[in-house]
C-alpha atoms as a PDB file:
ATOM      1  CA  LYS A   1      -8.835   3.859   8.202  1.00  0.00           C
ATOM      2  CA  ARG A   2      -8.950   5.477   4.821  1.00  0.00           C
ATOM      3  CA  PRO A   3      -7.142   8.842   4.338  1.00  0.00           C
ATOM      4  CA  ALA A   4      -9.837  11.189   2.813  1.00  0.00           C
ATOM      5  CA  SER A   5      -7.376  12.681   0.232  1.00  0.00           C
ATOM      6  CA  VAL A   6      -5.614   9.590  -1.071  1.00  0.00           C
ATOM      7  CA  LEU A   7      -7.343   9.715  -4.387  1.00  0.00           C
ATOM      8  CA  GLY A   8      -7.727  13.635  -4.496  1.00  0.00           C
ATOM      9  CA  GLN A   9     -10.901  15.263  -3.737  1.00  0.00           C
ATOM     10  CA  GLY A  10     -12.507  16.386  -6.893  1.00  0.00           C
ATOM     11  CA  SER A  11     -10.146  14.585  -9.027  1.00  0.00           C
ATOM     12  CA  LYS A  12     -11.361  12.026 -11.660  1.00  0.00           C
ATOM     13  CA  SER A  13      -9.916   8.440 -10.776  1.00  0.00           C
ATOM     14  CA  SER A  14      -8.594   8.397 -14.382  1.00  0.00           C
ATOM     15  CA  ASP A  15      -6.070  11.274 -13.079  1.00  0.00           C
ATOM     16  CA  VAL A  16      -4.798   8.863 -10.535  1.00  0.00           C
ATOM     17  CA  PRO A  17      -2.120   6.285 -11.784  1.00  0.00           C
ATOM     18  CA  LEU A  18      -3.401   2.670 -11.740  1.00  0.00           C
ATOM     19  CA  PHE A  19      -0.647   1.563  -9.222  1.00  0.00           C
ATOM     20  CA  VAL A  20      -1.990   4.115  -6.804  1.00  0.00           C
ATOM     21  CA  ARG A  21      -5.525   3.121  -7.224  1.00  0.00           C
ATOM     22  CA  THR A  22      -4.600  -0.588  -6.850  1.00  0.00           C
ATOM     23  CA  LEU A  23      -2.711   0.409  -3.628  1.00  0.00           C
ATOM     24  CA  HIS A  24      -5.476   2.248  -2.323  1.00  0.00           C
ATOM     25  CA  THR A  25      -7.995  -0.734  -3.083  1.00  0.00           C
ATOM     26  CA  LEU A  26      -5.700  -3.510  -1.535  1.00  0.00           C
ATOM     27  CA  LEU A  27      -5.204  -1.402   1.605  1.00  0.00           C
ATOM     28  CA  GLU A  28      -8.801  -0.967   1.905  1.00  0.00           C
ATOM     29  CA  GLU A  29      -9.542  -4.918   1.369  1.00  0.00           C
ATOM     30  CA  CYS A  30      -6.352  -6.405   3.026  1.00  0.00           C
ATOM     31  CA  ASP A  31      -6.148  -8.141   6.322  1.00  0.00           C
ATOM     32  CA  GLN A  32      -4.732  -5.628   8.674  1.00  0.00           C
ATOM     33  CA  SER A  33      -2.584  -8.094  10.214  1.00  0.00           C
ATOM     34  CA  ILE A  34      -0.665  -8.102   6.777  1.00  0.00           C
ATOM     35  CA  SER A  35      -0.970  -4.530   5.686  1.00  0.00           C
ATOM     36  CA  ARG A  36      -2.853  -1.286   6.543  1.00  0.00           C
ATOM     37  CA  TRP A  37      -3.014   2.547   6.883  1.00  0.00           C
ATOM     38  CA  SER A  38      -1.106   4.162   9.823  1.00  0.00           C
ATOM     39  CA  ASP A  39      -3.282   5.576  12.456  1.00  0.00           C
ATOM     40  CA  ASP A  40      -3.050   8.939  10.974  1.00  0.00           C
ATOM     41  CA  GLY A  41      -3.739   7.750   7.507  1.00  0.00           C
ATOM     42  CA  THR A  42      -0.443   8.950   5.962  1.00  0.00           C
ATOM     43  CA  LYS A  43       1.655   5.948   5.689  1.00  0.00           C
ATOM     44  CA  VAL A  44       1.299   2.519   4.130  1.00  0.00           C
ATOM     45  CA  LEU A  45       2.457  -0.143   6.843  1.00  0.00           C
ATOM     46  CA  ILE A  46       3.387  -3.523   5.828  1.00  0.00           C
ATOM     47  CA  MET A  47       2.946  -5.624   9.015  1.00  0.00           C
ATOM     48  CA  ASP A  48       4.043  -9.118   7.470  1.00  0.00           C
ATOM     49  CA  PRO A  49       6.162  -8.693   4.164  1.00  0.00           C
ATOM     50  CA  ALA A  50       6.279 -12.472   3.578  1.00  0.00           C
ATOM     51  CA  ARG A  51       2.496 -12.955   3.925  1.00  0.00           C
ATOM     52  CA  PHE A  52       1.949  -9.687   1.694  1.00  0.00           C
ATOM     53  CA  ALA A  53       4.200 -11.208  -0.970  1.00  0.00           C
ATOM     54  CA  VAL A  54       2.218 -14.674  -1.069  1.00  0.00           C
ATOM     55  CA  GLU A  55      -1.227 -13.609  -0.317  1.00  0.00           C
ATOM     56  CA  ILE A  56      -1.581 -10.085  -1.534  1.00  0.00           C
ATOM     57  CA  CYS A  57       0.764  -9.371  -4.287  1.00  0.00           C
ATOM     58  CA  PRO A  58      -0.648 -12.107  -6.754  1.00  0.00           C
ATOM     59  CA  ARG A  59      -4.172 -10.809  -6.221  1.00  0.00           C
ATOM     60  CA  TYR A  60      -3.260  -7.318  -7.380  1.00  0.00           C
ATOM     61  CA  PHE A  61      -0.076  -7.756  -9.324  1.00  0.00           C
ATOM     62  CA  ARG A  62       1.403 -10.265 -11.776  1.00  0.00           C
ATOM     63  CA  HIS A  63       4.103 -11.251  -9.074  1.00  0.00           C
ATOM     64  CA  ARG A  64       4.700 -12.752  -5.612  1.00  0.00           C
ATOM     65  CA  ASN A  65       7.735 -10.637  -5.159  1.00  0.00           C
ATOM     66  CA  PHE A  66       7.794  -8.169  -2.192  1.00  0.00           C
ATOM     67  CA  ASN A  67      10.946  -6.391  -3.641  1.00  0.00           C
ATOM     68  CA  SER A  68       9.139  -5.816  -6.873  1.00  0.00           C
ATOM     69  CA  PHE A  69       6.211  -4.101  -4.806  1.00  0.00           C
ATOM     70  CA  THR A  70       8.689  -1.916  -3.018  1.00  0.00           C
ATOM     71  CA  ARG A  71      10.329  -0.891  -6.266  1.00  0.00           C
ATOM     72  CA  LEU A  72       6.908   0.187  -7.488  1.00  0.00           C
ATOM     73  CA  LEU A  73       6.305   2.134  -4.402  1.00  0.00           C
ATOM     74  CA  ASN A  74       9.577   3.944  -4.832  1.00  0.00           C
ATOM     75  CA  MET A  75       8.790   4.690  -8.490  1.00  0.00           C
ATOM     76  CA  TYR A  76       5.743   6.466  -7.334  1.00  0.00           C
ATOM     77  CA  GLN A  77       7.724   8.511  -4.854  1.00  0.00           C
ATOM     78  CA  PHE A  78       6.815   6.545  -1.694  1.00  0.00           C
ATOM     79  CA  HIS A  79       9.794   6.323   0.800  1.00  0.00           C
ATOM     80  CA  LYS A  80      10.597   3.977   3.519  1.00  0.00           C
ATOM     81  CA  VAL A  81      10.243   5.465   7.025  1.00  0.00           C
ATOM     82  CA  GLN A  82      11.927   3.813   9.904  1.00  0.00           C
ATOM     83  CA  ASN A  83       9.778   2.871  12.882  1.00  0.00           C
ATOM     84  CA  ALA A  84       6.536   3.942  11.389  1.00  0.00           C
ATOM     85  CA  SER A  85       4.760   1.697  13.660  1.00  0.00           C
ATOM     86  CA  PRO A  86       6.223  -0.643  16.440  1.00  0.00           C
ATOM     87  CA  ASP A  87       4.433  -3.490  14.759  1.00  0.00           C
ATOM     88  CA  ALA A  88       5.347  -2.899  11.130  1.00  0.00           C
ATOM     89  CA  LYS A  89       8.322  -4.908   9.623  1.00  0.00           C
END
């Protein structure tokens, strides 16, 4: 489920940081058993961090390190929310 305002309605994609565009793309293309949008489209859920690091990170980034990915999320003002989904890890 894609949030309508993720890339900003009416904004040029060049105005959106590359990491945010990449995150949006990977969530659209990713196996939902690994990572997905929350049902309301406001949160990124990582269902299987180990598989995410091995299967997803190398496709979109230059590493296989889940901690590096979370540091990038934090750098772009994403914050961890406990119990966002009962299935997420």
